[in-house]
Amino acid sequence: MASITIRNLDEHVKTGLRIRAAVHGRSMEEEARRILRAAVQADAAPADLVASIRERVDPLGGVEMALPLREPMREPPRLG
């Protein structure tokens, strides 16, 4: 497993990380790992909306939707 050191971190960022970690019951290091992991996974998410929806729904077994019946098109308005 790799290690990194983050230098010149703003004090308010460090304090925010410490508070966030405490709220979640984790160490600052574990909280930072989770934040970084989520950021990398978000970047790797498919840009295609259909693929994104399918990725979330497929593990649940899919979704059956009733399609509405189609009706004939109405007459277009007559102008003038």
N, C-alpha and C. Protein backbone atom coordinates (compact mmCIF):
# COMPACT_ATOMS: atom_id res chain seq x y z
N MET A 1 0.85 -1.17 0.00
CA MET A 1 0.00 0.00 0.00
C MET A 1 0.90 1.24 0.00
N ALA A 2 0.52 2.24 -0.77
CA ALA A 2 1.33 3.45 -0.91
C ALA A 2 1.02 4.46 0.19
N SER A 3 1.94 5.37 0.39
CA SER A 3 1.78 6.46 1.36
C SER A 3 2.03 7.78 0.67
N ILE A 4 1.33 8.83 1.15
CA ILE A 4 1.60 10.17 0.65
C ILE A 4 1.69 11.12 1.83
N THR A 5 2.37 12.22 1.64
CA THR A 5 2.44 13.29 2.61
C THR A 5 1.88 14.54 1.96
N ILE A 6 0.99 15.23 2.66
CA ILE A 6 0.41 16.45 2.12
C ILE A 6 0.98 17.62 2.92
N ARG A 7 1.73 18.45 2.23
CA ARG A 7 2.34 19.61 2.87
C ARG A 7 1.51 20.86 2.59
N ASN A 8 1.71 21.87 3.40
CA ASN A 8 1.08 23.19 3.24
C ASN A 8 -0.45 23.10 3.20
N LEU A 9 -1.00 22.25 4.03
CA LEU A 9 -2.45 22.12 4.14
C LEU A 9 -2.97 23.26 5.01
N ASP A 10 -3.97 23.98 4.50
CA ASP A 10 -4.53 25.08 5.27
C ASP A 10 -5.05 24.56 6.61
N GLU A 11 -4.89 25.38 7.64
CA GLU A 11 -5.29 24.99 8.99
C GLU A 11 -6.80 24.71 9.05
N HIS A 12 -7.61 25.52 8.35
CA HIS A 12 -9.06 25.29 8.41
C HIS A 12 -9.46 23.99 7.69
N VAL A 13 -8.69 23.57 6.71
CA VAL A 13 -8.94 22.28 6.04
C VAL A 13 -8.61 21.14 6.99
N LYS A 14 -7.49 21.26 7.68
CA LYS A 14 -7.09 20.23 8.64
C LYS A 14 -8.12 20.13 9.78
N THR A 15 -8.57 21.28 10.26
CA THR A 15 -9.58 21.28 11.33
C THR A 15 -10.88 20.66 10.84
N GLY A 16 -11.29 21.01 9.62
CA GLY A 16 -12.50 20.44 9.06
C GLY A 16 -12.40 18.93 8.90
N LEU A 17 -11.23 18.45 8.48
CA LEU A 17 -11.00 17.02 8.34
C LEU A 17 -11.07 16.33 9.71
N ARG A 18 -10.48 16.96 10.70
CA ARG A 18 -10.49 16.40 12.06
C ARG A 18 -11.93 16.29 12.56
N ILE A 19 -12.75 17.34 12.35
CA ILE A 19 -14.14 17.32 12.80
C ILE A 19 -14.94 16.28 12.04
N ARG A 20 -14.76 16.24 10.72
CA ARG A 20 -15.48 15.27 9.90
C ARG A 20 -15.14 13.85 10.32
N ALA A 21 -13.88 13.59 10.59
CA ALA A 21 -13.45 12.26 11.03
C ALA A 21 -14.09 11.90 12.37
N ALA A 22 -14.14 12.86 13.29
CA ALA A 22 -14.73 12.61 14.60
C ALA A 22 -16.23 12.31 14.47
N VAL A 23 -16.91 13.05 13.61
CA VAL A 23 -18.35 12.83 13.41
C VAL A 23 -18.60 11.42 12.88
N HIS A 24 -17.73 10.94 11.99
CA HIS A 24 -17.89 9.61 11.42
C HIS A 24 -17.22 8.52 12.26
N GLY A 25 -16.59 8.89 13.36
CA GLY A 25 -15.96 7.91 14.24
C GLY A 25 -14.73 7.25 13.64
N ARG A 26 -13.97 8.03 12.84
CA ARG A 26 -12.78 7.51 12.18
C ARG A 26 -11.59 8.39 12.51
N SER A 27 -10.41 7.86 12.20
CA SER A 27 -9.20 8.66 12.32
C SER A 27 -9.16 9.65 11.15
N MET A 28 -8.35 10.69 11.28
CA MET A 28 -8.19 11.65 10.19
C MET A 28 -7.63 10.95 8.96
N GLU A 29 -6.72 10.04 9.18
CA GLU A 29 -6.11 9.31 8.07
C GLU A 29 -7.14 8.48 7.31
N GLU A 30 -7.99 7.76 8.04
CA GLU A 30 -9.03 6.96 7.39
C GLU A 30 -10.04 7.84 6.68
N GLU A 31 -10.37 8.97 7.28
CA GLU A 31 -11.32 9.90 6.65
C GLU A 31 -10.74 10.43 5.34
N ALA A 32 -9.47 10.78 5.35
CA ALA A 32 -8.82 11.28 4.13
C ALA A 32 -8.79 10.18 3.06
N ARG A 33 -8.53 8.93 3.46
CA ARG A 33 -8.54 7.82 2.50
C ARG A 33 -9.90 7.67 1.85
N ARG A 34 -10.95 7.76 2.65
CA ARG A 34 -12.31 7.60 2.12
C ARG A 34 -12.67 8.75 1.19
N ILE A 35 -12.28 9.96 1.54
CA ILE A 35 -12.56 11.12 0.69
C ILE A 35 -11.84 10.96 -0.65
N LEU A 36 -10.57 10.58 -0.61
CA LEU A 36 -9.80 10.40 -1.84
C LEU A 36 -10.36 9.26 -2.68
N ARG A 37 -10.73 8.16 -2.05
CA ARG A 37 -11.30 7.03 -2.77
C ARG A 37 -12.59 7.44 -3.47
N ALA A 38 -13.46 8.16 -2.77
CA ALA A 38 -14.73 8.60 -3.37
C ALA A 38 -14.49 9.56 -4.53
N ALA A 39 -13.50 10.43 -4.40
CA ALA A 39 -13.20 11.38 -5.48
C ALA A 39 -12.70 10.66 -6.72
N VAL A 40 -11.86 9.65 -6.54
CA VAL A 40 -11.33 8.91 -7.68
C VAL A 40 -12.44 8.09 -8.33
N GLN A 41 -13.31 7.47 -7.54
CA GLN A 41 -14.41 6.69 -8.09
C GLN A 41 -15.39 7.58 -8.83
N ALA A 42 -15.63 8.79 -8.34
CA ALA A 42 -16.54 9.71 -9.02
C ALA A 42 -15.99 10.10 -10.38
N ASP A 43 -14.68 10.27 -10.48
CA ASP A 43 -14.07 10.61 -11.77
C ASP A 43 -14.17 9.45 -12.75
N ALA A 44 -14.19 8.22 -12.24
CA ALA A 44 -14.22 7.05 -13.10
C ALA A 44 -15.64 6.67 -13.51
N ALA A 45 -16.64 7.39 -12.98
CA ALA A 45 -18.03 7.07 -13.29
C ALA A 45 -18.30 7.32 -14.77
N PRO A 46 -19.17 6.50 -15.35
CA PRO A 46 -19.47 6.69 -16.78
C PRO A 46 -20.17 8.02 -17.03
N ALA A 47 -19.81 8.66 -18.12
CA ALA A 47 -20.42 9.94 -18.48
C ALA A 47 -21.78 9.71 -19.13
N ASP A 48 -22.05 8.49 -19.56
CA ASP A 48 -23.30 8.15 -20.23
C ASP A 48 -24.38 7.95 -19.18
N LEU A 49 -25.46 8.73 -19.27
CA LEU A 49 -26.53 8.66 -18.29
C LEU A 49 -27.19 7.30 -18.26
N VAL A 50 -27.45 6.73 -19.42
CA VAL A 50 -28.10 5.42 -19.49
C VAL A 50 -27.22 4.36 -18.81
N ALA A 51 -25.92 4.39 -19.10
CA ALA A 51 -25.01 3.42 -18.48
C ALA A 51 -24.98 3.61 -16.97
N SER A 52 -25.02 4.84 -16.51
CA SER A 52 -25.00 5.12 -15.09
C SER A 52 -26.25 4.57 -14.40
N ILE A 53 -27.40 4.80 -15.02
CA ILE A 53 -28.66 4.29 -14.45
C ILE A 53 -28.66 2.77 -14.46
N ARG A 54 -28.25 2.18 -15.57
CA ARG A 54 -28.22 0.72 -15.68
C ARG A 54 -27.29 0.12 -14.62
N GLU A 55 -26.17 0.76 -14.39
CA GLU A 55 -25.20 0.27 -13.39
C GLU A 55 -25.83 0.23 -12.01
N ARG A 56 -26.71 1.18 -11.70
CA ARG A 56 -27.34 1.21 -10.38
C ARG A 56 -28.52 0.24 -10.29
N VAL A 57 -29.24 0.04 -11.39
CA VAL A 57 -30.46 -0.75 -11.36
C VAL A 57 -30.20 -2.24 -11.56
N ASP A 58 -29.23 -2.61 -12.39
CA ASP A 58 -28.97 -4.02 -12.70
C ASP A 58 -28.76 -4.89 -11.46
N PRO A 59 -27.98 -4.45 -10.46
CA PRO A 59 -27.82 -5.31 -9.28
C PRO A 59 -29.13 -5.57 -8.54
N LEU A 60 -30.12 -4.72 -8.74
CA LEU A 60 -31.41 -4.90 -8.07
C LEU A 60 -32.35 -5.81 -8.86
N GLY A 61 -31.91 -6.24 -10.03
CA GLY A 61 -32.74 -7.12 -10.84
C GLY A 61 -33.53 -6.38 -11.91
N GLY A 62 -33.25 -5.12 -12.10
CA GLY A 62 -33.95 -4.36 -13.13
C GLY A 62 -35.25 -3.77 -12.63
N VAL A 63 -35.90 -3.06 -13.50
CA VAL A 63 -37.17 -2.41 -13.17
C VAL A 63 -38.13 -2.62 -14.33
N GLU A 64 -39.32 -3.06 -14.03
CA GLU A 64 -40.35 -3.22 -15.05
C GLU A 64 -41.24 -1.99 -15.01
N MET A 65 -41.40 -1.37 -16.15
CA MET A 65 -42.25 -0.19 -16.23
C MET A 65 -43.33 -0.42 -17.28
N ALA A 66 -44.54 -0.02 -16.96
CA ALA A 66 -45.63 -0.12 -17.92
C ALA A 66 -45.54 1.07 -18.87
N LEU A 67 -45.50 0.78 -20.15
CA LEU A 67 -45.44 1.85 -21.13
C LEU A 67 -46.85 2.35 -21.42
N PRO A 68 -47.05 3.66 -21.49
CA PRO A 68 -48.39 4.17 -21.79
C PRO A 68 -48.77 3.84 -23.23
N LEU A 69 -50.05 3.65 -23.46
CA LEU A 69 -50.52 3.38 -24.80
C LEU A 69 -50.34 4.62 -25.66
N ARG A 70 -50.00 4.39 -26.91
CA ARG A 70 -49.84 5.51 -27.83
C ARG A 70 -51.19 5.85 -28.45
N GLU A 71 -51.42 7.12 -28.60
CA GLU A 71 -52.64 7.58 -29.23
C GLU A 71 -52.28 8.20 -30.57
N PRO A 72 -53.24 8.22 -31.49
CA PRO A 72 -52.92 8.86 -32.78
C PRO A 72 -52.63 10.35 -32.59
N MET A 73 -51.80 10.87 -33.46
CA MET A 73 -51.47 12.29 -33.38
C MET A 73 -52.71 13.12 -33.67
N ARG A 74 -52.85 14.22 -33.01
CA ARG A 74 -53.99 15.09 -33.27
C ARG A 74 -53.71 15.92 -34.52
N GLU A 75 -54.75 16.47 -35.08
CA GLU A 75 -54.59 17.30 -36.27
C GLU A 75 -53.84 18.57 -35.91
N PRO A 76 -52.91 18.99 -36.74
CA PRO A 76 -52.22 20.24 -36.46
C PRO A 76 -53.18 21.43 -36.66
N PRO A 77 -52.95 22.51 -35.93
CA PRO A 77 -53.83 23.67 -36.09
C PRO A 77 -53.72 24.25 -37.49
N ARG A 78 -54.81 24.78 -37.99
CA ARG A 78 -54.82 25.43 -39.30
C ARG A 78 -54.67 26.92 -39.08
N LEU A 79 -53.62 27.48 -39.66
CA LEU A 79 -53.35 28.91 -39.50
C LEU A 79 -53.84 29.64 -40.73
N GLY A 80 -54.53 30.76 -40.50
CA GLY A 80 -54.90 31.68 -41.56
C GLY A 80 -55.95 31.19 -42.41
